[in-house]
């Protein structure tokens, strides 16, 4: 996700469009990207965070969250 201090023109455009499309009550929209990695049990959360920070995101302008989901 873009860091809060980074402008998000796509999110702003969606937020402005929603009321015109009949959707009320949404005060802010932030648009980001989403990656799903299927990994084996030997890959720990620290390794996933290193992948996210060093390869999948731009840590200067983006925040990331690593979440493990059982399948």
PDB file of N, CA and C in Angstrom:
ATOM      1  N   UNK A   1       0.840  -1.181   0.000  1.00  0.00           N
ATOM      2  CA  UNK A   1       0.000   0.000   0.000  1.00  0.00           C
ATOM      3  C   UNK A   1       0.878   1.235   0.000  1.00  0.00           C
ATOM      4  N   UNK A   2       0.441   2.291  -0.654  1.00  0.00           N
ATOM      5  CA  UNK A   2       1.205   3.528  -0.545  1.00  0.00           C
ATOM      6  C   UNK A   2       1.224   4.003   0.912  1.00  0.00           C
ATOM      7  N   UNK A   3       2.349   4.537   1.333  1.00  0.00           N
ATOM      8  CA  UNK A   3       2.418   5.100   2.679  1.00  0.00           C
ATOM      9  C   UNK A   3       1.421   6.249   2.786  1.00  0.00           C
ATOM     10  N   UNK A   4       0.929   6.537   4.000  1.00  0.00           N
ATOM     11  CA  UNK A   4      -0.101   7.578   4.148  1.00  0.00           C
ATOM     12  C   UNK A   4       0.306   8.936   3.593  1.00  0.00           C
ATOM     13  N   UNK A   5       1.595   9.269   3.641  1.00  0.00           N
ATOM     14  CA  UNK A   5       2.023  10.582   3.155  1.00  0.00           C
ATOM     15  C   UNK A   5       2.198  10.646   1.634  1.00  0.00           C
ATOM     16  N   UNK A   6       2.038   9.526   0.953  1.00  0.00           N
ATOM     17  CA  UNK A   6       2.174   9.472  -0.505  1.00  0.00           C
ATOM     18  C   UNK A   6       0.803   9.674  -1.137  1.00  0.00           C
ATOM     19  N   UNK A   7       0.712  10.568  -2.102  1.00  0.00           N
ATOM     20  CA  UNK A   7      -0.545  10.796  -2.810  1.00  0.00           C
ATOM     21  C   UNK A   7      -0.979   9.521  -3.523  1.00  0.00           C
ATOM     22  N   UNK A   8      -2.270   9.281  -3.556  1.00  0.00           N
ATOM     23  CA  UNK A   8      -2.834   8.097  -4.196  1.00  0.00           C
ATOM     24  C   UNK A   8      -3.925   8.532  -5.160  1.00  0.00           C
ATOM     25  N   UNK A   9      -3.560   8.969  -6.371  1.00  0.00           N
ATOM     26  CA  UNK A   9      -4.568   9.477  -7.303  1.00  0.00           C
ATOM     27  C   UNK A   9      -5.597   8.423  -7.713  1.00  0.00           C
ATOM     28  N   UNK A  10      -5.205   7.156  -7.804  1.00  0.00           N
ATOM     29  CA  UNK A  10      -6.181   6.122  -8.160  1.00  0.00           C
ATOM     30  C   UNK A  10      -7.208   5.959  -7.042  1.00  0.00           C
ATOM     31  N   UNK A  11      -6.739   5.935  -5.807  1.00  0.00           N
ATOM     32  CA  UNK A  11      -7.659   5.837  -4.680  1.00  0.00           C
ATOM     33  C   UNK A  11      -8.589   7.035  -4.606  1.00  0.00           C
ATOM     34  N   UNK A  12      -8.050   8.227  -4.867  1.00  0.00           N
ATOM     35  CA  UNK A  12      -8.868   9.443  -4.843  1.00  0.00           C
ATOM     36  C   UNK A  12      -9.941   9.399  -5.932  1.00  0.00           C
ATOM     37  N   UNK A  13      -9.574   8.901  -7.113  1.00  0.00           N
ATOM     38  CA  UNK A  13     -10.543   8.810  -8.211  1.00  0.00           C
ATOM     39  C   UNK A  13     -11.670   7.838  -7.856  1.00  0.00           C
ATOM     40  N   UNK A  14     -11.332   6.719  -7.241  1.00  0.00           N
ATOM     41  CA  UNK A  14     -12.356   5.759  -6.822  1.00  0.00           C
ATOM     42  C   UNK A  14     -13.250   6.380  -5.754  1.00  0.00           C
ATOM     43  N   UNK A  15     -12.657   7.061  -4.776  1.00  0.00           N
ATOM     44  CA  UNK A  15     -13.436   7.684  -3.708  1.00  0.00           C
ATOM     45  C   UNK A  15     -14.411   8.717  -4.264  1.00  0.00           C
ATOM     46  N   UNK A  16     -13.988   9.479  -5.277  1.00  0.00           N
ATOM     47  CA  UNK A  16     -14.889  10.478  -5.883  1.00  0.00           C
ATOM     48  C   UNK A  16     -15.983   9.817  -6.712  1.00  0.00           C
ATOM     49  N   UNK A  17     -15.688   8.673  -7.319  1.00  0.00           N
ATOM     50  CA  UNK A  17     -16.659   8.015  -8.195  1.00  0.00           C
ATOM     51  C   UNK A  17     -17.742   7.260  -7.425  1.00  0.00           C
ATOM     52  N   UNK A  18     -17.419   6.741  -6.267  1.00  0.00           N
ATOM     53  CA  UNK A  18     -18.379   5.900  -5.537  1.00  0.00           C
ATOM     54  C   UNK A  18     -19.709   6.584  -5.255  1.00  0.00           C
ATOM     55  N   UNK A  19     -19.728   7.838  -4.745  1.00  0.00           N
ATOM     56  CA  UNK A  19     -21.030   8.482  -4.515  1.00  0.00           C
ATOM     57  C   UNK A  19     -21.837   8.653  -5.802  1.00  0.00           C
ATOM     58  N   UNK A  20     -21.153   8.956  -6.901  1.00  0.00           N
ATOM     59  CA  UNK A  20     -21.859   9.111  -8.184  1.00  0.00           C
ATOM     60  C   UNK A  20     -22.472   7.791  -8.634  1.00  0.00           C
ATOM     61  N   UNK A  21     -21.907   6.683  -8.185  1.00  0.00           N
ATOM     62  CA  UNK A  21     -22.418   5.364  -8.556  1.00  0.00           C
ATOM     63  C   UNK A  21     -23.417   4.821  -7.535  1.00  0.00           C
ATOM     64  N   UNK A  22     -23.754   5.658  -6.548  1.00  0.00           N
ATOM     65  CA  UNK A  22     -24.765   5.275  -5.583  1.00  0.00           C
ATOM     66  C   UNK A  22     -24.241   4.612  -4.322  1.00  0.00           C
ATOM     67  N   UNK A  23     -22.941   4.642  -4.101  1.00  0.00           N
ATOM     68  CA  UNK A  23     -22.347   4.028  -2.912  1.00  0.00           C
ATOM     69  C   UNK A  23     -21.976   5.137  -1.922  1.00  0.00           C
ATOM     70  N   UNK A  24     -22.697   5.201  -0.813  1.00  0.00           N
ATOM     71  CA  UNK A  24     -22.476   6.248   0.179  1.00  0.00           C
ATOM     72  C   UNK A  24     -21.686   5.689   1.360  1.00  0.00           C
ATOM     73  N   UNK A  25     -21.070   6.588   2.130  1.00  0.00           N
ATOM     74  CA  UNK A  25     -20.434   6.209   3.375  1.00  0.00           C
ATOM     75  C   UNK A  25     -18.968   5.858   3.286  1.00  0.00           C
ATOM     76  N   UNK A  26     -18.376   5.906   2.109  1.00  0.00           N
ATOM     77  CA  UNK A  26     -16.945   5.614   1.968  1.00  0.00           C
ATOM     78  C   UNK A  26     -16.210   6.945   1.982  1.00  0.00           C
ATOM     79  N   UNK A  27     -15.363   7.146   2.988  1.00  0.00           N
ATOM     80  CA  UNK A  27     -14.702   8.440   3.136  1.00  0.00           C
ATOM     81  C   UNK A  27     -13.298   8.471   2.528  1.00  0.00           C
ATOM     82  N   UNK A  28     -12.659   7.313   2.360  1.00  0.00           N
ATOM     83  CA  UNK A  28     -11.299   7.302   1.823  1.00  0.00           C
ATOM     84  C   UNK A  28     -11.040   5.964   1.151  1.00  0.00           C
ATOM     85  N   UNK A  29     -10.249   5.984   0.105  1.00  0.00           N
ATOM     86  CA  UNK A  29      -9.854   4.769  -0.610  1.00  0.00           C
ATOM     87  C   UNK A  29      -8.358   4.847  -0.855  1.00  0.00           C
ATOM     88  N   UNK A  30      -7.644   3.776  -0.552  1.00  0.00           N
ATOM     89  CA  UNK A  30      -6.221   3.652  -0.870  1.00  0.00           C
ATOM     90  C   UNK A  30      -6.081   2.436  -1.781  1.00  0.00           C
ATOM     91  N   UNK A  31      -5.437   2.613  -2.898  1.00  0.00           N
ATOM     92  CA  UNK A  31      -5.283   1.531  -3.860  1.00  0.00           C
ATOM     93  C   UNK A  31      -3.864   1.003  -3.757  1.00  0.00           C
ATOM     94  N   UNK A  32      -3.711  -0.307  -3.670  1.00  0.00           N
ATOM     95  CA  UNK A  32      -2.386  -0.911  -3.565  1.00  0.00           C
ATOM     96  C   UNK A  32      -2.309  -2.180  -4.392  1.00  0.00           C
ATOM     97  N   UNK A  33      -1.259  -2.952  -4.152  1.00  0.00           N
ATOM     98  CA  UNK A  33      -1.102  -4.208  -4.878  1.00  0.00           C
ATOM     99  C   UNK A  33      -1.108  -5.370  -3.895  1.00  0.00           C
ATOM    100  N   UNK A  34      -1.351  -6.536  -4.413  1.00  0.00           N
ATOM    101  CA  UNK A  34      -1.537  -7.727  -3.595  1.00  0.00           C
ATOM    102  C   UNK A  34      -0.777  -8.878  -4.244  1.00  0.00           C
ATOM    103  N   UNK A  35       0.056  -9.538  -3.473  1.00  0.00           N
ATOM    104  CA  UNK A  35       0.790 -10.713  -3.953  1.00  0.00           C
ATOM    105  C   UNK A  35       0.404 -11.907  -3.104  1.00  0.00           C
ATOM    106  N   UNK A  36       0.262 -13.059  -3.725  1.00  0.00           N
ATOM    107  CA  UNK A  36       0.062 -14.305  -3.008  1.00  0.00           C
ATOM    108  C   UNK A  36       1.219 -15.224  -3.357  1.00  0.00           C
ATOM    109  N   UNK A  37       1.922 -15.691  -2.340  1.00  0.00           N
ATOM    110  CA  UNK A  37       3.027 -16.624  -2.534  1.00  0.00           C
ATOM    111  C   UNK A  37       2.653 -17.937  -1.879  1.00  0.00           C
ATOM    112  N   UNK A  38       2.782 -19.016  -2.601  1.00  0.00           N
ATOM    113  CA  UNK A  38       2.570 -20.333  -2.017  1.00  0.00           C
ATOM    114  C   UNK A  38       3.940 -20.873  -1.645  1.00  0.00           C
ATOM    115  N   UNK A  39       4.160 -21.090  -0.356  1.00  0.00           N
ATOM    116  CA  UNK A  39       5.472 -21.504   0.134  1.00  0.00           C
ATOM    117  C   UNK A  39       5.325 -22.748   0.994  1.00  0.00           C
ATOM    118  N   UNK A  40       6.420 -23.486   1.133  1.00  0.00           N
ATOM    119  CA  UNK A  40       6.380 -24.649   2.016  1.00  0.00           C
ATOM    120  C   UNK A  40       6.657 -24.225   3.460  1.00  0.00           C
ATOM    121  N   UNK A  41       6.525 -25.164   4.361  1.00  0.00           N
ATOM    122  CA  UNK A  41       6.637 -24.852   5.788  1.00  0.00           C
ATOM    123  C   UNK A  41       8.027 -24.397   6.215  1.00  0.00           C
ATOM    124  N   UNK A  42       9.039 -24.629   5.378  1.00  0.00           N
ATOM    125  CA  UNK A  42      10.398 -24.232   5.764  1.00  0.00           C
ATOM    126  C   UNK A  42      10.644 -22.732   5.598  1.00  0.00           C
ATOM    127  N   UNK A  43       9.753 -22.037   4.912  1.00  0.00           N
ATOM    128  CA  UNK A  43       9.904 -20.595   4.698  1.00  0.00           C
ATOM    129  C   UNK A  43       9.250 -19.874   5.876  1.00  0.00           C
ATOM    130  N   UNK A  44      10.069 -19.186   6.676  1.00  0.00           N
ATOM    131  CA  UNK A  44       9.526 -18.517   7.866  1.00  0.00           C
ATOM    132  C   UNK A  44       9.076 -17.097   7.540  1.00  0.00           C
ATOM    133  N   UNK A  45       8.399 -16.475   8.513  1.00  0.00           N
ATOM    134  CA  UNK A  45       7.861 -15.123   8.316  1.00  0.00           C
ATOM    135  C   UNK A  45       8.954 -14.087   8.084  1.00  0.00           C
ATOM    136  N   UNK A  46      10.104 -14.264   8.710  1.00  0.00           N
ATOM    137  CA  UNK A  46      11.220 -13.337   8.499  1.00  0.00           C
ATOM    138  C   UNK A  46      11.679 -13.359   7.047  1.00  0.00           C
ATOM    139  N   UNK A  47      11.758 -14.548   6.470  1.00  0.00           N
ATOM    140  CA  UNK A  47      12.141 -14.670   5.057  1.00  0.00           C
ATOM    141  C   UNK A  47      11.090 -14.030   4.159  1.00  0.00           C
ATOM    142  N   UNK A  48       9.821 -14.246   4.471  1.00  0.00           N
ATOM    143  CA  UNK A  48       8.751 -13.622   3.681  1.00  0.00           C
ATOM    144  C   UNK A  48       8.819 -12.104   3.759  1.00  0.00           C
ATOM    145  N   UNK A  49       9.122 -11.565   4.936  1.00  0.00           N
ATOM    146  CA  UNK A  49       9.257 -10.113   5.087  1.00  0.00           C
ATOM    147  C   UNK A  49      10.435  -9.585   4.273  1.00  0.00           C
ATOM    148  N   UNK A  50      11.531 -10.328   4.235  1.00  0.00           N
ATOM    149  CA  UNK A  50      12.682  -9.910   3.419  1.00  0.00           C
ATOM    150  C   UNK A  50      12.326  -9.902   1.939  1.00  0.00           C
ATOM    151  N   UNK A  51      11.560 -10.905   1.497  1.00  0.00           N
ATOM    152  CA  UNK A  51      11.119 -10.945   0.096  1.00  0.00           C
ATOM    153  C   UNK A  51      10.238  -9.738  -0.201  1.00  0.00           C
ATOM    154  N   UNK A  52       9.290  -9.464   0.695  1.00  0.00           N
ATOM    155  CA  UNK A  52       8.364  -8.342   0.484  1.00  0.00           C
ATOM    156  C   UNK A  52       9.099  -7.012   0.441  1.00  0.00           C
ATOM    157  N   UNK A  53      10.009  -6.812   1.389  1.00  0.00           N
ATOM    158  CA  UNK A  53      10.715  -5.531   1.468  1.00  0.00           C
ATOM    159  C   UNK A  53      11.742  -5.364   0.358  1.00  0.00           C
ATOM    160  N   UNK A  54      12.445  -6.426   0.015  1.00  0.00           N
ATOM    161  CA  UNK A  54      13.543  -6.297  -0.938  1.00  0.00           C
ATOM    162  C   UNK A  54      13.187  -6.505  -2.388  1.00  0.00           C
ATOM    163  N   UNK A  55      12.026  -7.135  -2.645  1.00  0.00           N
ATOM    164  CA  UNK A  55      11.717  -7.484  -4.031  1.00  0.00           C
ATOM    165  C   UNK A  55      10.314  -7.081  -4.471  1.00  0.00           C
ATOM    166  N   UNK A  56       9.325  -7.228  -3.603  1.00  0.00           N
ATOM    167  CA  UNK A  56       7.941  -7.016  -4.011  1.00  0.00           C
ATOM    168  C   UNK A  56       7.426  -5.605  -3.756  1.00  0.00           C
ATOM    169  N   UNK A  57       8.108  -4.839  -2.921  1.00  0.00           N
ATOM    170  CA  UNK A  57       7.630  -3.491  -2.619  1.00  0.00           C
ATOM    171  C   UNK A  57       8.756  -2.483  -2.780  1.00  0.00           C
ATOM    172  N   UNK A  58       8.360  -1.230  -2.815  1.00  0.00           N
ATOM    173  CA  UNK A  58       9.315  -0.126  -2.777  1.00  0.00           C
ATOM    174  C   UNK A  58       9.178   0.493  -1.387  1.00  0.00           C
ATOM    175  N   UNK A  59      10.062   0.110  -0.443  1.00  0.00           N
ATOM    176  CA  UNK A  59       9.880   0.541   0.940  1.00  0.00           C
ATOM    177  C   UNK A  59       9.985   2.050   1.161  1.00  0.00           C
ATOM    178  N   UNK A  60      10.442   2.788   0.187  1.00  0.00           N
ATOM    179  CA  UNK A  60      10.497   4.245   0.313  1.00  0.00           C
ATOM    180  C   UNK A  60       9.086   4.833   0.289  1.00  0.00           C
ATOM    181  N   UNK A  61       8.203   4.269  -0.543  1.00  0.00           N
ATOM    182  CA  UNK A  61       6.868   4.839  -0.699  1.00  0.00           C
ATOM    183  C   UNK A  61       5.742   3.874  -0.343  1.00  0.00           C
ATOM    184  N   UNK A  62       6.060   2.609  -0.037  1.00  0.00           N
ATOM    185  CA  UNK A  62       5.020   1.618   0.229  1.00  0.00           C
ATOM    186  C   UNK A  62       5.232   0.928   1.575  1.00  0.00           C
ATOM    187  N   UNK A  63       4.131   0.613   2.235  1.00  0.00           N
ATOM    188  CA  UNK A  63       4.138  -0.249   3.404  1.00  0.00           C
ATOM    189  C   UNK A  63       3.678  -1.632   2.951  1.00  0.00           C
ATOM    190  N   UNK A  64       4.076  -2.656   3.686  1.00  0.00           N
ATOM    191  CA  UNK A  64       3.615  -4.000   3.335  1.00  0.00           C
ATOM    192  C   UNK A  64       3.232  -4.763   4.595  1.00  0.00           C
ATOM    193  N   UNK A  65       2.420  -5.777   4.401  1.00  0.00           N
ATOM    194  CA  UNK A  65       1.993  -6.678   5.467  1.00  0.00           C
ATOM    195  C   UNK A  65       2.202  -8.093   4.967  1.00  0.00           C
ATOM    196  N   UNK A  66       2.820  -8.929   5.796  1.00  0.00           N
ATOM    197  CA  UNK A  66       2.967 -10.343   5.481  1.00  0.00           C
ATOM    198  C   UNK A  66       1.943 -11.088   6.327  1.00  0.00           C
ATOM    199  N   UNK A  67       1.109 -11.864   5.667  1.00  0.00           N
ATOM    200  CA  UNK A  67       0.077 -12.616   6.368  1.00  0.00           C
ATOM    201  C   UNK A  67       0.108 -14.050   5.866  1.00  0.00           C
ATOM    202  N   UNK A  68       0.226 -14.977   6.784  1.00  0.00           N
ATOM    203  CA  UNK A  68       0.248 -16.401   6.452  1.00  0.00           C
ATOM    204  C   UNK A  68      -1.182 -16.938   6.573  1.00  0.00           C
ATOM    205  N   UNK A  69      -1.645 -17.602   5.511  1.00  0.00           N
ATOM    206  CA  UNK A  69      -3.006 -18.142   5.481  1.00  0.00           C
ATOM    207  C   UNK A  69      -2.895 -19.640   5.242  1.00  0.00           C
ATOM    208  N   UNK A  70      -3.572 -20.418   6.078  1.00  0.00           N
ATOM    209  CA  UNK A  70      -3.590 -21.861   5.867  1.00  0.00           C
ATOM    210  C   UNK A  70      -4.500 -22.190   4.697  1.00  0.00           C
ATOM    211  N   UNK A  71      -4.083 -23.170   3.917  1.00  0.00           N
ATOM    212  CA  UNK A  71      -4.937 -23.555   2.771  1.00  0.00           C
ATOM    213  C   UNK A  71      -5.645 -24.846   3.029  1.00  0.00           C
TER     214      UNK A  71
END
